[in-house]
Amino acid sequence: MGNDEAMRFGVLGPIAAWTDDGAAVRIPDRKVRALLADLLLHAGRPVPVASLIDDLWGEELPVNPTGTLQTRVSQLRKALDEAEPGARDLVRTVPSGYAITVPAEAVDAGRFRALATRARQTGSPRMRAATLADALTLWRGPAYVDVATEAFARAAVDRLDEERLAVQEAYAEARLELGEHEPLVAELAELVARHPLRQRLRAAHLLALARSGRQPEALDGYAELRRRLADELGIDPGPDLVALHQRILTDDPTLRSPARVRRTNLPAALTDLIGRSVAIADLTARLEQGARLITLTGPGGVGKTSLALAAAGRFGDEAWLVELASRSGVRSRGGAGARGGACGDARPRTPAAGAGQLRTPGRGRGRGDDPTAPRRPGVAGPGHRP
């Protein structure tokens, strides 16, 4: 069994682990969870015994620190192995100490960073917003919350908090490009209240206010930010914010967001597609990378059409559904085109059946769920895991 691929770990919230079918792994003891957190923080790299002892106990050392650490390692291995036979081998003994051997994206923080990177490389604002939303739903609470006050975790927590805030800002900007300024006003107000000196965040909030016809509130927000920057940091707003303030002040027509007309025939989803987030991400990534033809294969009833529609929906107005005719002349819902087609050629809205193959990963087996399944978050709200 490929345990390094089957097991999933979480640090974006309480320290957690899940089996291949999404079942939570019971980590029995606070020190064992701290040990797992420390190993995941250095995933793929050895952590010396002395460092682990110092991180877990500090100056309150047990009578036999090395023996006690070995006991905690054994407890961690047992917990993993009981949940997923063979998974104990993920925690390796190395000459200098211990290491957990999992790929970066087996940890939710690694998947978060991979999605953020993918979003930065995406030209479509709708696809960028969808990818950033997937990244934000991985958060179940504050990073490394079980050990956030421990010295060994503080730098990682600060770094992840900064990365999360940058993704929230990029997500807001993508949604502003899509004309979603009205719902953003309230969502960003909550985030601005927590980070009042963040200029990029404030710019998105001011733009959302202005586009919602609330120019006086936008001007008041700018004035408040300018006062706080001067009083607390001794600086002025940056040039981008100054330019935005001037545009709001003069009611610049370029601030207005044109009404978006929906130009797609994709049917509205009646329910969420659960347990296929990995397959959707794989499919949409291939389309973003320029794949001309992708065919989904599998027995009837496994959800090929639902998967194609879910992936095509990420492209919004760039997607089109075409009823393809079989050789017998019977028409069937055979192709959802996204950027030319999930099953189509590269010409917009001119799908045709094609070769090529995408096999959907078997996440969520036996439970119909996936611990990475995305739900669309608000800008300020954390993601939740089922």
Protein backbone atom coordinates (compact mmCIF):
# COMPACT_ATOMS: atom_id res chain seq x y z
CA MET A 1 0.00 0.00 0.00
CA GLY A 2 1.29 3.48 -0.85
CA ASN A 3 0.77 4.88 2.65
CA ASP A 4 2.60 8.09 1.88
CA GLU A 5 -0.13 8.76 -0.69
CA ALA A 6 -3.05 7.25 1.25
CA MET A 7 -2.67 9.07 4.56
CA ARG A 8 -3.54 12.76 4.82
CA PHE A 9 -2.44 15.10 7.60
CA GLY A 10 -3.77 18.41 8.84
CA VAL A 11 -2.03 21.34 10.52
CA LEU A 12 -4.38 24.13 9.35
CA GLY A 13 -6.41 23.84 12.54
CA PRO A 14 -6.12 21.08 15.15
CA ILE A 15 -3.37 18.56 14.39
CA ALA A 16 -5.11 15.71 12.57
CA ALA A 17 -4.66 12.70 10.32
CA TRP A 18 -7.06 10.89 8.01
CA THR A 19 -7.00 7.53 6.28
CA ASP A 20 -7.49 7.02 2.56
CA ASP A 21 -11.27 6.78 2.96
CA GLY A 22 -11.47 9.95 5.07
CA ALA A 23 -11.69 8.37 8.52
CA ALA A 24 -10.12 10.42 11.29
CA VAL A 25 -7.13 8.89 13.05
CA ARG A 26 -7.32 9.05 16.85
CA ILE A 27 -4.11 10.56 18.20
CA PRO A 28 -4.18 9.48 21.86
CA ASP A 29 -2.13 12.01 23.79
CA ARG A 30 -1.30 15.73 23.75
CA LYS A 31 2.44 15.04 23.60
CA VAL A 32 1.90 12.59 20.74
CA ARG A 33 -0.02 15.26 18.82
CA ALA A 34 2.81 17.72 19.54
CA LEU A 35 5.31 15.14 18.25
CA LEU A 36 3.29 14.68 15.06
CA ALA A 37 3.08 18.46 14.63
CA ASP A 38 6.85 18.81 15.00
CA LEU A 39 7.55 16.03 12.51
CA LEU A 40 5.05 17.47 9.99
CA LEU A 41 6.60 20.90 10.36
CA HIS A 42 9.83 19.29 9.08
CA ALA A 43 8.07 16.80 6.74
CA GLY A 44 10.62 14.78 4.78
CA ARG A 45 13.53 16.05 6.89
CA PRO A 46 14.99 14.44 10.01
CA VAL A 47 14.42 16.10 13.37
CA PRO A 48 17.22 15.40 15.90
CA VAL A 49 16.29 13.66 19.13
CA ALA A 50 17.62 16.59 21.18
CA SER A 51 15.44 19.05 19.25
CA LEU A 52 12.32 16.93 19.71
CA ILE A 53 12.94 16.60 23.45
CA ASP A 54 13.48 20.34 23.79
CA ASP A 55 10.38 21.14 21.68
CA LEU A 56 8.11 18.74 23.57
CA TRP A 57 9.26 19.29 27.16
CA GLY A 58 11.46 22.37 27.33
CA GLU A 59 12.88 22.72 30.82
CA GLU A 60 10.30 20.32 32.34
CA LEU A 61 12.14 17.19 31.27
CA PRO A 62 10.88 13.71 32.17
CA VAL A 63 13.15 11.43 34.19
CA ASN A 64 14.31 9.58 31.06
CA PRO A 65 13.84 12.02 28.13
CA THR A 66 15.14 9.72 25.38
CA GLY A 67 13.10 6.75 26.58
CA THR A 68 9.99 8.87 26.98
CA LEU A 69 10.40 10.21 23.43
CA GLN A 70 10.75 6.66 22.13
CA THR A 71 7.50 5.77 23.90
CA ARG A 72 5.70 8.71 22.28
CA VAL A 73 7.07 7.70 18.86
CA SER A 74 5.78 4.17 19.41
CA GLN A 75 2.36 5.52 20.39
CA LEU A 76 2.22 7.63 17.22
CA ARG A 77 3.21 4.70 15.03
CA LYS A 78 0.60 2.50 16.70
CA ALA A 79 -2.16 5.09 16.19
CA LEU A 80 -1.34 5.43 12.49
CA ASP A 81 -1.02 1.68 11.98
CA GLU A 82 -4.32 0.88 13.70
CA ALA A 83 -6.10 3.32 11.40
CA GLU A 84 -4.25 2.30 8.20
CA PRO A 85 -2.23 -0.94 8.37
CA GLY A 86 1.37 -0.30 7.36
CA ALA A 87 1.22 3.43 8.06
CA ARG A 88 3.56 3.07 11.02
CA ASP A 89 6.39 3.01 8.46
CA LEU A 90 5.73 6.69 7.69
CA VAL A 91 7.53 7.59 10.93
CA ARG A 92 11.12 6.54 10.34
CA THR A 93 14.06 6.28 12.68
CA VAL A 94 17.09 7.98 11.14
CA PRO A 95 20.65 8.26 12.47
CA SER A 96 20.08 11.69 13.99
CA GLY A 97 16.49 11.27 15.17
CA TYR A 98 13.10 10.78 13.51
CA ALA A 99 11.37 11.85 10.31
CA ILE A 100 7.92 11.52 8.78
CA THR A 101 8.12 10.64 5.09
CA VAL A 102 5.11 12.13 3.33
CA PRO A 103 4.93 14.28 0.18
CA ALA A 104 4.21 17.98 0.69
CA GLU A 105 0.63 17.71 -0.59
CA ALA A 106 -0.20 14.92 1.85
CA VAL A 107 -0.28 17.75 4.43
CA ASP A 108 -3.05 20.34 4.10
CA ALA A 109 -0.52 23.18 4.36
CA GLY A 110 1.30 21.76 1.34
CA ARG A 111 -1.93 21.48 -0.64
CA PHE A 112 -2.81 25.04 0.38
CA ARG A 113 0.49 26.34 -0.98
CA ALA A 114 0.19 24.31 -4.18
CA LEU A 115 -3.29 25.72 -4.85
CA ALA A 116 -2.11 29.26 -4.13
CA THR A 117 0.74 28.81 -6.61
CA ARG A 118 -1.63 27.38 -9.22
CA ALA A 119 -3.99 30.32 -8.77
CA ARG A 120 -1.17 32.83 -9.34
CA GLN A 121 -0.46 31.15 -12.68
CA THR A 122 -4.11 31.23 -13.77
CA GLY A 123 -5.31 33.92 -16.18
CA SER A 124 -9.06 33.38 -15.80
CA PRO A 125 -10.43 35.31 -12.79
CA ARG A 126 -13.22 32.76 -12.37
CA MET A 127 -10.80 29.85 -12.29
CA ARG A 128 -8.47 31.81 -10.03
CA ALA A 129 -11.32 32.50 -7.60
CA ALA A 130 -12.36 28.83 -7.60
CA THR A 131 -8.79 27.66 -6.96
CA LEU A 132 -8.28 30.16 -4.14
CA ALA A 133 -11.62 29.13 -2.63
CA ASP A 134 -10.40 25.52 -2.60
CA ALA A 135 -7.25 26.65 -0.82
CA LEU A 136 -9.16 28.55 1.86
CA THR A 137 -11.55 25.68 2.60
CA LEU A 138 -8.58 23.62 3.81
CA TRP A 139 -8.38 25.80 6.92
CA ARG A 140 -10.26 24.33 9.90
CA GLY A 141 -9.05 26.94 12.39
CA PRO A 142 -5.76 28.65 13.38
CA ALA A 143 -2.68 26.86 12.08
CA TYR A 144 -1.08 24.33 14.46
CA VAL A 145 -3.64 25.37 17.06
CA ASP A 146 -2.67 22.56 19.47
CA VAL A 147 0.91 23.81 19.69
CA ALA A 148 0.64 27.41 18.43
CA THR A 149 2.13 28.85 21.62
CA GLU A 150 5.13 26.52 21.57
CA ALA A 151 8.42 28.09 20.47
CA PHE A 152 9.09 25.47 17.78
CA ALA A 153 5.81 26.26 15.97
CA ARG A 154 5.66 30.07 16.17
CA ALA A 155 7.59 30.87 13.00
CA ALA A 156 5.56 28.34 10.98
CA VAL A 157 2.30 29.70 12.38
CA ASP A 158 3.25 33.29 11.53
CA ARG A 159 4.30 32.30 8.02
CA LEU A 160 1.07 30.40 7.35
CA ASP A 161 -1.06 33.22 8.76
CA GLU A 162 0.64 35.64 6.36
CA GLU A 163 0.15 33.26 3.42
CA ARG A 164 -3.52 32.79 4.32
CA LEU A 165 -4.10 36.53 4.45
CA ALA A 166 -2.41 36.99 1.05
CA VAL A 167 -4.68 34.30 -0.42
CA GLN A 168 -7.75 35.98 1.13
CA GLU A 169 -6.71 39.25 -0.51
CA ALA A 170 -6.14 37.59 -3.89
CA TYR A 171 -9.50 35.80 -3.56
CA ALA A 172 -11.25 39.13 -2.90
CA GLU A 173 -9.53 40.72 -5.89
CA ALA A 174 -10.56 37.85 -8.19
CA ARG A 175 -14.16 38.15 -7.03
CA LEU A 176 -14.07 41.90 -7.61
CA GLU A 177 -13.05 41.16 -11.20
CA LEU A 178 -16.14 38.94 -11.42
CA GLY A 179 -18.44 41.72 -10.18
CA GLU A 180 -19.07 40.22 -6.72
CA HIS A 181 -18.52 43.52 -4.90
CA GLU A 182 -21.76 43.61 -2.89
CA PRO A 183 -21.26 40.39 -0.89
CA LEU A 184 -17.61 41.31 -0.43
CA VAL A 185 -18.44 44.50 1.47
CA ALA A 186 -19.50 42.67 4.64
CA GLU A 187 -16.96 39.85 4.29
CA LEU A 188 -14.05 42.24 3.91
CA ALA A 189 -15.27 44.50 6.73
CA GLU A 190 -14.75 41.60 9.15
CA LEU A 191 -11.26 40.95 7.82
CA VAL A 192 -10.30 44.65 7.82
CA ALA A 193 -11.36 44.89 11.47
CA ARG A 194 -8.82 42.17 12.30
CA HIS A 195 -6.06 43.63 10.09
CA PRO A 196 -6.74 47.39 10.02
CA LEU A 197 -3.29 48.39 8.67
CA ARG A 198 -3.21 45.96 5.75
CA GLN A 199 -3.20 48.23 2.68
CA ARG A 200 -3.93 45.65 -0.02
CA LEU A 201 -6.86 44.34 1.98
CA ARG A 202 -8.17 47.84 2.62
CA ALA A 203 -7.94 48.66 -1.09
CA ALA A 204 -10.17 45.70 -1.94
CA HIS A 205 -12.69 46.78 0.70
CA LEU A 206 -12.73 50.40 -0.51
CA LEU A 207 -13.24 49.24 -4.10
CA ALA A 208 -16.09 46.93 -3.06
CA LEU A 209 -17.74 49.83 -1.19
CA ALA A 210 -17.34 52.22 -4.12
CA ARG A 211 -18.72 49.75 -6.64
CA SER A 212 -21.69 49.12 -4.35
CA GLY A 213 -22.59 52.84 -4.43
CA ARG A 214 -21.23 53.49 -0.94
CA GLN A 215 -18.63 56.14 -1.78
CA PRO A 216 -18.99 58.08 1.53
CA GLU A 217 -18.15 54.92 3.49
CA ALA A 218 -15.22 54.24 1.17
CA LEU A 219 -13.86 57.75 1.71
CA ASP A 220 -14.32 57.40 5.48
CA GLY A 221 -12.44 54.10 5.37
CA TYR A 222 -9.54 55.69 3.55
CA ALA A 223 -9.40 58.58 6.03
CA GLU A 224 -9.39 56.14 8.95
CA LEU A 225 -6.58 54.10 7.39
CA ARG A 226 -4.49 57.22 6.73
CA ARG A 227 -4.85 58.30 10.38
CA ARG A 228 -3.93 54.88 11.71
CA LEU A 229 -0.92 54.52 9.44
CA ALA A 230 0.35 57.93 10.55
CA ASP A 231 -0.32 57.34 14.27
CA GLU A 232 0.88 53.73 14.54
CA LEU A 233 3.54 53.37 11.85
CA GLY A 234 4.46 56.95 10.92
CA ILE A 235 3.84 56.36 7.20
CA ASP A 236 1.38 57.46 4.51
CA PRO A 237 -0.81 55.22 2.32
CA GLY A 238 0.98 53.74 -0.67
CA PRO A 239 0.63 55.15 -4.19
CA ASP A 240 -1.92 52.55 -5.29
CA LEU A 241 -4.22 53.44 -2.39
CA VAL A 242 -3.76 57.16 -3.01
CA ALA A 243 -4.70 56.65 -6.68
CA LEU A 244 -7.76 54.59 -5.69
CA HIS A 245 -8.82 57.29 -3.22
CA GLN A 246 -8.60 59.90 -5.98
CA ARG A 247 -10.73 57.77 -8.30
CA ILE A 248 -13.36 57.34 -5.59
CA LEU A 249 -13.26 61.06 -4.80
CA THR A 250 -13.91 61.99 -8.44
CA ASP A 251 -16.38 59.13 -9.06
CA ASP A 252 -14.16 57.82 -11.83
CA PRO A 253 -16.30 55.84 -14.34
CA THR A 254 -13.62 53.14 -14.49
CA LEU A 255 -14.56 52.17 -10.93
CA ARG A 256 -17.91 50.89 -12.06
CA SER A 257 -18.28 47.18 -12.53
CA PRO A 258 -20.22 46.34 -15.73
CA ALA A 259 -23.13 43.99 -15.32
CA ARG A 260 -22.13 40.47 -16.21
CA VAL A 261 -24.42 38.51 -18.49
CA ARG A 262 -24.32 34.78 -18.00
CA ARG A 263 -23.52 33.17 -21.36
CA THR A 264 -23.40 29.49 -20.64
CA ASN A 265 -25.90 26.65 -20.84
CA LEU A 266 -24.40 24.58 -18.03
CA PRO A 267 -27.21 23.30 -15.80
CA ALA A 268 -27.27 24.49 -12.21
CA ALA A 269 -26.04 21.82 -9.80
CA LEU A 270 -28.85 20.53 -7.59
CA THR A 271 -26.43 19.11 -4.99
CA ASP A 272 -22.75 19.38 -4.17
CA LEU A 273 -20.38 16.87 -5.79
CA ILE A 274 -18.74 15.25 -2.77
CA GLY A 275 -15.58 13.18 -2.70
CA ARG A 276 -14.16 14.23 -6.06
CA SER A 277 -12.18 17.38 -5.24
CA VAL A 278 -8.87 15.74 -6.21
CA ALA A 279 -10.27 14.63 -9.59
CA ILE A 280 -11.80 18.07 -10.25
CA ALA A 281 -8.52 19.79 -9.40
CA ASP A 282 -6.61 17.40 -11.68
CA LEU A 283 -9.05 17.90 -14.56
CA THR A 284 -9.21 21.70 -14.31
CA ALA A 285 -5.42 21.94 -13.95
CA ARG A 286 -4.97 20.00 -17.20
CA LEU A 287 -7.42 22.30 -18.98
CA GLU A 288 -5.65 25.36 -17.58
CA GLN A 289 -2.35 23.95 -18.85
CA GLY A 290 -3.74 23.82 -22.41
CA ALA A 291 -5.00 20.24 -22.82
CA ARG A 292 -7.16 20.19 -25.97
CA LEU A 293 -8.96 16.90 -25.43
CA ILE A 294 -9.75 14.99 -22.24
CA THR A 295 -12.03 11.97 -22.10
CA LEU A 296 -13.44 10.67 -18.82
CA THR A 297 -13.77 6.89 -18.80
CA GLY A 298 -15.53 4.43 -16.55
CA PRO A 299 -18.65 2.26 -16.23
CA GLY A 300 -22.08 3.81 -16.56
CA GLY A 301 -23.35 5.57 -13.47
CA VAL A 302 -20.01 6.29 -11.79
CA GLY A 303 -20.44 10.05 -12.26
CA LYS A 304 -18.46 10.95 -15.38
CA THR A 305 -20.99 13.59 -16.48
CA SER A 306 -21.24 15.07 -12.99
CA LEU A 307 -17.45 15.32 -12.79
CA ALA A 308 -17.24 16.95 -16.25
CA LEU A 309 -19.96 19.47 -15.34
CA ALA A 310 -18.31 20.27 -12.00
CA ALA A 311 -14.99 20.92 -13.72
CA ALA A 312 -16.58 22.93 -16.53
CA GLY A 313 -18.42 25.05 -13.97
CA ARG A 314 -15.08 26.35 -12.74
CA PHE A 315 -14.74 28.21 -16.05
CA GLY A 316 -18.11 29.97 -15.80
CA ASP A 317 -19.01 31.79 -19.02
CA GLU A 318 -16.16 30.08 -20.87
CA ALA A 319 -17.91 26.69 -20.66
CA TRP A 320 -20.62 25.22 -22.86
CA LEU A 321 -22.54 21.93 -22.76
CA VAL A 322 -23.05 20.12 -26.07
CA GLU A 323 -25.30 17.11 -26.57
CA LEU A 324 -23.21 14.67 -28.65
CA ALA A 325 -24.78 12.11 -30.99
CA SER A 326 -23.73 8.47 -30.72
CA ARG A 327 -23.14 6.26 -33.77
CA SER A 328 -26.69 4.99 -33.48
CA GLY A 329 -28.00 8.52 -33.75
CA VAL A 330 -29.19 8.63 -30.15
CA ARG A 331 -28.25 11.94 -28.57
CA SER A 332 -26.57 11.85 -25.19
CA ARG A 333 -25.15 14.38 -22.79
CA GLY A 334 -21.60 13.62 -23.75
CA GLY A 335 -19.44 16.71 -23.50
CA ALA A 336 -19.08 19.60 -21.09
CA GLY A 337 -16.77 22.09 -22.74
CA ALA A 338 -14.53 24.28 -20.60
CA ARG A 339 -12.16 26.61 -22.41
CA GLY A 340 -12.99 24.61 -25.47
CA GLY A 341 -14.07 21.50 -23.68
CA ALA A 342 -13.67 18.99 -20.94
CA CYS A 343 -14.42 16.71 -23.86
CA GLY A 344 -13.77 18.99 -26.81
CA ASP A 345 -11.32 20.79 -29.04
CA ALA A 346 -9.61 24.07 -28.28
CA ARG A 347 -12.08 26.29 -30.09
CA PRO A 348 -14.45 28.10 -27.69
CA ARG A 349 -17.87 26.47 -27.57
CA THR A 350 -17.18 24.05 -30.41
CA PRO A 351 -16.72 20.77 -28.53
CA ALA A 352 -16.23 17.48 -30.30
CA ALA A 353 -15.62 14.01 -28.95
CA GLY A 354 -11.93 13.33 -28.65
CA ALA A 355 -9.24 10.98 -27.50
CA GLY A 356 -7.08 11.30 -24.43
CA GLN A 357 -7.91 10.00 -21.00
CA LEU A 358 -8.22 11.19 -17.44
CA ARG A 359 -8.57 8.58 -14.73
CA THR A 360 -10.18 9.92 -11.60
CA PRO A 361 -8.30 9.15 -8.35
CA GLY A 362 -10.11 6.92 -5.88
CA ARG A 363 -10.49 9.41 -3.06
CA GLY A 364 -13.42 8.90 -0.73
CA ARG A 365 -13.73 5.15 -1.26
CA GLY A 366 -16.34 3.55 0.94
CA ARG A 367 -17.57 6.82 2.43
CA GLY A 368 -18.50 8.96 -0.55
CA ASP A 369 -16.54 11.78 1.05
CA ASP A 370 -13.09 13.29 0.87
CA PRO A 371 -11.32 15.24 3.62
CA THR A 372 -10.14 17.63 0.89
CA ALA A 373 -13.60 18.22 -0.62
CA PRO A 374 -13.97 21.99 -1.20
CA ARG A 375 -16.77 24.22 -0.04
CA ARG A 376 -16.87 27.83 -1.16
CA PRO A 377 -15.78 30.04 1.74
CA GLY A 378 -16.33 33.68 2.45
CA VAL A 379 -13.21 35.78 2.35
CA ALA A 380 -12.94 35.93 6.13
CA GLY A 381 -14.35 32.55 7.10
CA PRO A 382 -12.29 29.41 7.75
CA GLY A 383 -12.88 26.22 5.85
CA HIS A 384 -14.47 23.22 7.56
CA ARG A 385 -13.70 19.56 7.29
CA PRO A 386 -16.50 17.02 7.46
